[in-house]
């Protein structure tokens, strides 16, 4: 390299090193702290339900979205997810008999669920005890064990207060764990588009 180009090379070296720096919060870093707020939607040929966790610990299917169907899905390691109700503050757990229950205390042997992503967009959550899919039961012979994670505009009580504070200060909230972090897509909270069925609610 000609001597006259060495000063230019030394000036470019620091700026080039910045191109390869990856912050710890980057999407390229570990996903152990990735959190999704979703509704888990399942369906039969005649019914559409959302997984609902009530404060007393019951887990069932609700025909409508509510604050008790807003769930937090946290990836804890590759293929494993912990689910928590945002309003009930309970963890979705399963016992050795396959019965679903909301629990206040996280126990890995009951609440660490293996998440299997299907090609049709649905997820199946497997029991840590026997590897069988978690299910809301059967409707007309159809096992409700496939869940479609859906986003929603519904807010639980604590989130409503935070949203009101954000609006009063004129700040714009950016949700980086959302499919629409800048809020550029219009909401269609009354419409559920399923890969299997097109259901208008």
Protein backbone atom coordinates (compact mmCIF):
# COMPACT_ATOMS: atom_id res chain seq x y z
CA UNK A 1 0.00 0.00 0.00
CA UNK A 2 1.42 3.45 -0.84
CA UNK A 3 2.59 5.41 2.21
CA UNK A 4 0.31 8.30 1.35
CA UNK A 5 -2.77 6.06 1.92
CA UNK A 6 -1.85 4.97 5.47
CA UNK A 7 -3.36 8.06 7.21
CA UNK A 8 -6.65 7.49 5.34
CA UNK A 9 -6.65 3.80 6.33
CA UNK A 10 -6.13 4.67 9.99
CA UNK A 11 -9.03 7.14 9.89
CA UNK A 12 -11.42 4.58 8.36
CA UNK A 13 -10.51 1.75 10.75
CA UNK A 14 -12.55 2.98 13.79
CA UNK A 15 -15.65 3.70 11.69
CA UNK A 16 -15.46 0.26 10.04
CA UNK A 17 -15.33 -1.44 13.44
CA UNK A 18 -18.65 0.18 14.37
CA UNK A 19 -20.34 -1.62 11.50
CA UNK A 20 -19.84 -4.97 13.22
CA UNK A 21 -20.90 -3.93 16.74
CA UNK A 22 -24.06 -5.71 17.94
CA UNK A 23 -25.77 -4.32 21.04
CA UNK A 24 -27.06 -6.74 23.66
CA UNK A 25 -30.65 -5.68 22.87
CA UNK A 26 -30.27 -6.56 19.19
CA UNK A 27 -32.49 -9.16 17.55
CA UNK A 28 -29.29 -11.07 16.81
CA UNK A 29 -28.55 -11.61 20.49
CA UNK A 30 -29.95 -14.32 22.78
CA UNK A 31 -33.74 -14.61 22.70
CA UNK A 32 -34.09 -15.72 26.33
CA UNK A 33 -35.81 -12.43 27.20
CA UNK A 34 -38.14 -12.24 24.20
CA UNK A 35 -41.71 -11.60 25.33
CA UNK A 36 -44.87 -11.65 23.23
CA UNK A 37 -48.28 -10.41 24.35
CA UNK A 38 -50.82 -12.54 22.55
CA UNK A 39 -54.24 -14.18 22.61
CA UNK A 40 -54.11 -17.94 22.00
CA UNK A 41 -56.90 -18.71 19.54
CA UNK A 42 -58.19 -22.19 18.78
CA UNK A 43 -61.12 -23.45 16.74
CA UNK A 44 -63.35 -26.30 15.74
CA UNK A 45 -65.65 -26.41 12.74
CA UNK A 46 -68.43 -24.79 14.74
CA UNK A 47 -66.69 -22.79 17.47
CA UNK A 48 -63.85 -20.32 17.96
CA UNK A 49 -62.29 -19.89 21.40
CA UNK A 50 -59.53 -17.95 23.16
CA UNK A 51 -57.55 -19.48 26.01
CA UNK A 52 -58.66 -17.71 29.19
CA UNK A 53 -57.01 -17.70 32.64
CA UNK A 54 -59.21 -16.47 35.49
CA UNK A 55 -57.82 -15.15 38.83
CA UNK A 56 -59.01 -18.24 40.73
CA UNK A 57 -56.82 -20.41 38.50
CA UNK A 58 -59.35 -21.87 36.08
CA UNK A 59 -58.27 -22.31 32.46
CA UNK A 60 -60.96 -22.55 29.79
CA UNK A 61 -61.99 -21.33 26.36
CA UNK A 62 -63.76 -17.98 25.93
CA UNK A 63 -65.74 -17.12 22.78
CA UNK A 64 -64.59 -13.48 23.05
CA UNK A 65 -61.36 -11.65 23.79
CA UNK A 66 -61.08 -10.17 27.27
CA UNK A 67 -58.39 -8.99 29.65
CA UNK A 68 -58.17 -12.58 30.91
CA UNK A 69 -57.26 -13.87 27.44
CA UNK A 70 -54.27 -11.50 27.15
CA UNK A 71 -51.23 -13.68 27.74
CA UNK A 72 -47.50 -13.12 28.01
CA UNK A 73 -45.45 -15.71 26.14
CA UNK A 74 -41.80 -15.69 27.19
CA UNK A 75 -39.12 -17.71 25.38
CA UNK A 76 -36.81 -19.13 28.03
CA UNK A 77 -34.70 -21.33 25.75
CA UNK A 78 -34.85 -22.77 22.26
CA UNK A 79 -38.32 -24.21 21.70
CA UNK A 80 -39.51 -23.68 25.28
CA UNK A 81 -42.08 -21.10 26.39
CA UNK A 82 -43.58 -19.93 29.68
CA UNK A 83 -47.12 -18.51 29.49
CA UNK A 84 -48.52 -16.04 32.04
CA UNK A 85 -51.88 -14.26 32.22
CA UNK A 86 -51.39 -10.49 32.35
CA UNK A 87 -54.59 -9.81 34.30
CA UNK A 88 -54.61 -12.91 36.51
CA UNK A 89 -50.80 -12.87 37.05
CA UNK A 90 -50.88 -16.67 36.95
CA UNK A 91 -48.61 -19.09 35.11
CA UNK A 92 -50.18 -21.62 32.76
CA UNK A 93 -49.23 -25.02 34.16
CA UNK A 94 -50.20 -28.63 33.53
CA UNK A 95 -50.21 -31.57 35.92
CA UNK A 96 -49.31 -35.18 35.19
CA UNK A 97 -52.94 -35.92 34.22
CA UNK A 98 -52.83 -33.22 31.54
CA UNK A 99 -55.14 -30.84 33.41
CA UNK A 100 -54.49 -27.12 32.89
CA UNK A 101 -54.32 -24.77 35.84
CA UNK A 102 -53.18 -21.22 36.58
CA UNK A 103 -50.57 -21.10 39.35
CA UNK A 104 -49.03 -18.13 41.16
CA UNK A 105 -45.66 -19.86 41.54
CA UNK A 106 -43.60 -20.87 38.54
CA UNK A 107 -42.46 -24.49 38.74
CA UNK A 108 -40.37 -25.58 35.75
CA UNK A 109 -41.58 -29.18 35.88
CA UNK A 110 -45.20 -28.02 35.41
CA UNK A 111 -44.95 -24.68 33.57
CA UNK A 112 -42.02 -25.10 31.14
CA UNK A 113 -43.90 -25.84 27.90
CA UNK A 114 -42.32 -26.98 24.66
CA UNK A 115 -43.67 -24.87 21.78
CA UNK A 116 -43.87 -26.51 18.36
CA UNK A 117 -44.49 -24.14 15.45
CA UNK A 118 -46.58 -25.60 12.64
CA UNK A 119 -46.41 -24.68 8.96
CA UNK A 120 -50.00 -23.36 9.06
CA UNK A 121 -49.09 -20.66 11.61
CA UNK A 122 -50.48 -22.45 14.64
CA UNK A 123 -48.48 -23.54 17.70
CA UNK A 124 -48.76 -26.69 19.78
CA UNK A 125 -47.64 -26.61 23.41
CA UNK A 126 -46.40 -29.92 24.81
CA UNK A 127 -46.67 -31.03 28.43
CA UNK A 128 -43.35 -31.28 30.28
CA UNK A 129 -44.61 -34.50 31.91
CA UNK A 130 -45.54 -36.72 28.96
CA UNK A 131 -44.94 -34.63 25.83
CA UNK A 132 -48.63 -34.62 24.87
CA UNK A 133 -50.24 -31.46 23.44
CA UNK A 134 -52.08 -29.16 25.85
CA UNK A 135 -55.76 -28.98 24.97
CA UNK A 136 -58.94 -27.13 25.95
CA UNK A 137 -60.85 -30.36 25.42
CA UNK A 138 -62.98 -31.50 22.49
CA UNK A 139 -65.79 -29.83 20.57
CA UNK A 140 -67.77 -31.99 18.14
CA UNK A 141 -64.96 -34.53 18.05
CA UNK A 142 -62.32 -31.88 17.31
CA UNK A 143 -59.46 -31.63 19.82
CA UNK A 144 -58.67 -28.00 20.67
CA UNK A 145 -54.89 -28.29 20.93
CA UNK A 146 -53.70 -26.03 18.07
CA UNK A 147 -53.33 -22.38 19.07
CA UNK A 148 -52.86 -19.35 16.85
CA UNK A 149 -51.08 -16.46 18.65
CA UNK A 150 -52.96 -13.25 17.86
CA UNK A 151 -52.18 -9.63 18.68
CA UNK A 152 -54.86 -7.34 20.09
CA UNK A 153 -55.52 -3.77 21.20
CA UNK A 154 -57.00 -4.97 24.51
CA UNK A 155 -55.21 -3.66 27.58
CA UNK A 156 -55.30 -5.01 31.12
CA UNK A 157 -55.97 -2.52 33.93
CA UNK A 158 -52.32 -1.76 34.69
CA UNK A 159 -51.57 -1.18 31.01
CA UNK A 160 -54.54 1.20 30.66
CA UNK A 161 -53.13 3.45 33.37
CA UNK A 162 -49.70 3.42 31.72
CA UNK A 163 -51.25 4.20 28.33
CA UNK A 164 -53.18 7.15 29.79
CA UNK A 165 -49.96 8.56 31.26
CA UNK A 166 -48.22 8.20 27.89
CA UNK A 167 -51.03 10.04 26.10
CA UNK A 168 -51.16 12.82 28.70
CA UNK A 169 -47.44 13.53 28.30
CA UNK A 170 -47.67 13.43 24.51
CA UNK A 171 -45.15 10.61 24.21
CA UNK A 172 -45.46 7.97 21.54
CA UNK A 173 -45.12 4.42 22.78
CA UNK A 174 -43.08 2.06 20.63
CA UNK A 175 -43.56 -1.68 21.16
CA UNK A 176 -40.52 -3.49 19.78
CA UNK A 177 -41.94 -6.94 20.58
CA UNK A 178 -44.99 -6.24 18.43
CA UNK A 179 -45.54 -7.22 14.81
CA UNK A 180 -46.35 -3.53 14.24
CA UNK A 181 -43.91 -1.63 16.49
CA UNK A 182 -44.71 1.80 15.06
CA UNK A 183 -48.48 1.34 15.03
CA UNK A 184 -48.76 1.80 11.28
CA UNK A 185 -51.31 -0.97 10.68
CA UNK A 186 -54.93 -0.21 11.48
CA UNK A 187 -56.53 -2.37 14.14
CA UNK A 188 -59.20 -4.93 13.31
CA UNK A 189 -59.95 -6.22 16.81
CA UNK A 190 -63.33 -7.67 15.78
CA UNK A 191 -61.93 -9.73 12.96
CA UNK A 192 -59.99 -12.97 13.29
CA UNK A 193 -58.30 -14.29 10.18
CA UNK A 194 -57.43 -17.92 10.67
CA UNK A 195 -55.26 -19.95 8.28
CA UNK A 196 -57.92 -22.69 8.51
CA UNK A 197 -61.13 -20.68 8.81
CA UNK A 198 -62.01 -17.09 8.02
CA UNK A 199 -64.15 -16.09 11.02
CA UNK A 200 -65.68 -12.65 11.43
CA UNK A 201 -66.50 -11.90 15.06
